[in-house]
Structures are given as C-alpha cells and as structure tokens.
Amino acid sequence: MDTGMWAYAKSSGHVAGTDLAGFTVEASDGHIGRIDRHSADAGRSFIVVDTGPWILGRHVLVPAGLVREVDIQNETVRVAATKQQIKASPDFESGRHEDDVAFIRLIENYYAANRHV
C-alpha cells in the first residue's frame, strides 16, 4: 500500500483532530462537493466527498495525500485532482469499502495513474 498517498502532507495545513465534515471541497478546476466524513487513521487517512447534484449525489473517496490545502477559516479543502478525475473515480459505498483491500488498491492505482494535476 502506498502510505504516502494516505497521509496528509505537512504543507497541507491539516491539523490532527480537526473535524473536516461539512467542509467545501475544491478540485484544481472548481467545486466538487462537501466532505461527508473523513478518517485520520495512521497509514490510511482519507476524505469522503459527497458530490451532491453535480454528479448525481455520488460519494467518492479521496486519499489524504491528494489534499493540497486545508483552509480552516473558510472551511474549504483543496485537492490535487480535476473535476473530471473525481467524476471518473471509483464509486465508494460507506460500510462496504472502508476495509476492502481490493477497493483500497483500486483507489491507489486510479489516483497514482491520474496524478498529473
């Protein structure tokens, strides 16, 4: 497992213990939704983004390593992905995929292959 992909960069501004639920999420080219929930587990931190009506209410899992900036004052998280990359990412189902090793590898492979932002 690529643990670097699953950890917040020190430069992101993420502060351990901060509840990111409800924060707005911005891709490199615009708004993609709000954080439904997040995990700060060591070795596998991520945010789950509710895309709302933009792509029919899908939920997508974004590894913490793609978080570019956490703006606590404005409750905004910026990610190193485009709207199209988020739209094309694998579907996430809460309660089903969190501990699914095959799904975690799918996410790793998808974002590793699409890191050109």
Protein backbone atom coordinates (compact mmCIF):
# COMPACT_ATOMS: atom_id res chain seq x y z
CA MET A 1 0.00 0.00 0.00
CA ASP A 2 1.31 3.44 -0.93
CA THR A 3 1.24 5.01 2.53
CA GLY A 4 2.36 8.39 1.15
CA MET A 5 -0.92 8.62 -0.71
CA TRP A 6 -2.80 8.00 2.54
CA ALA A 7 -1.17 10.70 4.68
CA TYR A 8 -1.73 14.47 4.75
CA ALA A 9 1.28 16.41 3.52
CA LYS A 10 2.78 18.65 6.20
CA SER A 11 2.32 21.57 3.82
CA SER A 12 -1.46 20.95 3.52
CA GLY A 13 -2.31 22.77 6.73
CA HIS A 14 -4.22 19.78 8.10
CA VAL A 15 -4.30 19.83 11.89
CA ALA A 16 -4.74 16.47 13.59
CA GLY A 17 -8.07 16.26 15.38
CA THR A 18 -9.81 18.82 13.14
CA ASP A 19 -13.28 17.70 12.07
CA LEU A 20 -13.44 18.28 8.31
CA ALA A 21 -17.02 17.06 7.87
CA GLY A 22 -19.07 19.69 6.06
CA PHE A 23 -16.06 21.49 4.56
CA THR A 24 -16.38 22.50 0.91
CA VAL A 25 -14.09 20.62 -1.49
CA GLU A 26 -12.46 22.32 -4.46
CA ALA A 27 -10.70 20.46 -7.27
CA SER A 28 -7.99 22.21 -9.24
CA ASP A 29 -10.69 23.43 -11.64
CA GLY A 30 -13.69 24.08 -9.42
CA HIS A 31 -16.16 22.98 -6.77
CA ILE A 32 -16.82 19.24 -6.38
CA GLY A 33 -18.87 18.92 -3.20
CA ARG A 34 -18.65 18.69 0.58
CA ILE A 35 -16.86 16.33 2.90
CA ASP A 36 -19.33 13.76 4.17
CA ARG A 37 -16.78 12.25 6.54
CA HIS A 38 -13.08 11.75 6.92
CA SER A 39 -10.66 9.36 8.50
CA ALA A 40 -7.35 10.28 10.04
CA ASP A 41 -6.26 6.69 10.67
CA ALA A 42 -2.50 6.28 10.60
CA GLY A 43 -1.47 4.87 7.23
CA ARG A 44 -4.91 5.34 5.65
CA SER A 45 -6.30 8.84 6.01
CA PHE A 46 -8.91 9.99 3.51
CA ILE A 47 -11.91 12.20 2.90
CA VAL A 48 -15.26 11.05 1.54
CA VAL A 49 -16.74 13.69 -0.74
CA ASP A 50 -20.48 13.96 -1.33
CA THR A 51 -20.64 15.35 -4.86
CA GLY A 52 -24.27 16.44 -4.48
CA PRO A 53 -26.20 17.15 -7.66
CA TRP A 54 -23.01 17.76 -9.65
CA ILE A 55 -22.66 14.02 -10.39
CA LEU A 56 -25.91 12.68 -9.04
CA GLY A 57 -25.02 12.54 -5.38
CA ARG A 58 -22.11 10.13 -5.66
CA HIS A 59 -19.70 9.64 -2.82
CA VAL A 60 -16.02 9.38 -3.69
CA LEU A 61 -13.05 8.52 -1.53
CA VAL A 62 -10.04 10.80 -1.91
CA PRO A 63 -6.76 9.78 -0.23
CA ALA A 64 -5.36 12.39 2.17
CA GLY A 65 -2.19 12.65 0.07
CA LEU A 66 -4.22 14.45 -2.59
CA VAL A 67 -5.26 17.18 -0.15
CA ARG A 68 -3.32 20.26 -1.19
CA GLU A 69 -4.68 22.70 1.35
CA VAL A 70 -6.98 22.74 4.36
CA ASP A 71 -8.35 26.24 4.92
CA ILE A 72 -9.91 26.00 8.37
CA GLN A 73 -11.07 29.63 8.46
CA ASN A 74 -13.08 29.27 5.22
CA GLU A 75 -13.92 25.57 5.82
CA THR A 76 -12.50 24.60 2.43
CA VAL A 77 -10.31 21.72 1.32
CA ARG A 78 -8.46 21.90 -1.99
CA VAL A 79 -7.40 18.68 -3.69
CA ALA A 80 -4.80 17.88 -6.34
CA ALA A 81 -7.29 16.44 -8.83
CA THR A 82 -9.53 17.80 -11.53
CA LYS A 83 -13.30 17.61 -11.58
CA GLN A 84 -13.05 15.00 -14.36
CA GLN A 85 -10.65 12.87 -12.30
CA ILE A 86 -13.06 12.95 -9.37
CA LYS A 87 -16.02 12.21 -11.63
CA ALA A 88 -14.26 9.19 -13.15
CA SER A 89 -13.04 7.82 -9.81
CA PRO A 90 -14.38 4.52 -8.45
CA ASP A 91 -17.73 4.61 -6.62
CA PHE A 92 -17.50 4.50 -2.84
CA GLU A 93 -20.04 2.76 -0.64
CA SER A 94 -19.85 3.52 3.07
CA GLY A 95 -19.82 0.41 5.21
CA ARG A 96 -18.61 -1.70 2.31
CA HIS A 97 -15.33 -0.28 1.05
CA GLU A 98 -13.51 1.11 4.11
CA ASP A 99 -11.76 -2.17 4.90
CA ASP A 100 -11.91 -3.75 1.44
CA VAL A 101 -8.26 -4.29 0.45
CA ALA A 102 -9.15 -4.69 -3.24
CA PHE A 103 -11.04 -1.37 -3.22
CA ILE A 104 -8.18 0.41 -1.44
CA ARG A 105 -5.75 -0.87 -4.10
CA LEU A 106 -8.18 0.21 -6.83
CA ILE A 107 -8.20 3.75 -5.36
CA GLU A 108 -4.39 3.75 -5.10
CA ASN A 109 -3.97 2.60 -8.69
CA TYR A 110 -6.56 5.05 -10.00
CA TYR A 111 -5.07 8.15 -8.37
CA ALA A 112 -1.46 7.06 -8.98
CA ALA A 113 -2.24 6.73 -12.70
CA ASN A 114 -4.07 10.08 -12.77
CA ARG A 115 -1.64 12.30 -10.83
CA HIS A 116 -0.86 14.99 -13.34
CA VAL A 117 -2.56 17.99 -11.80
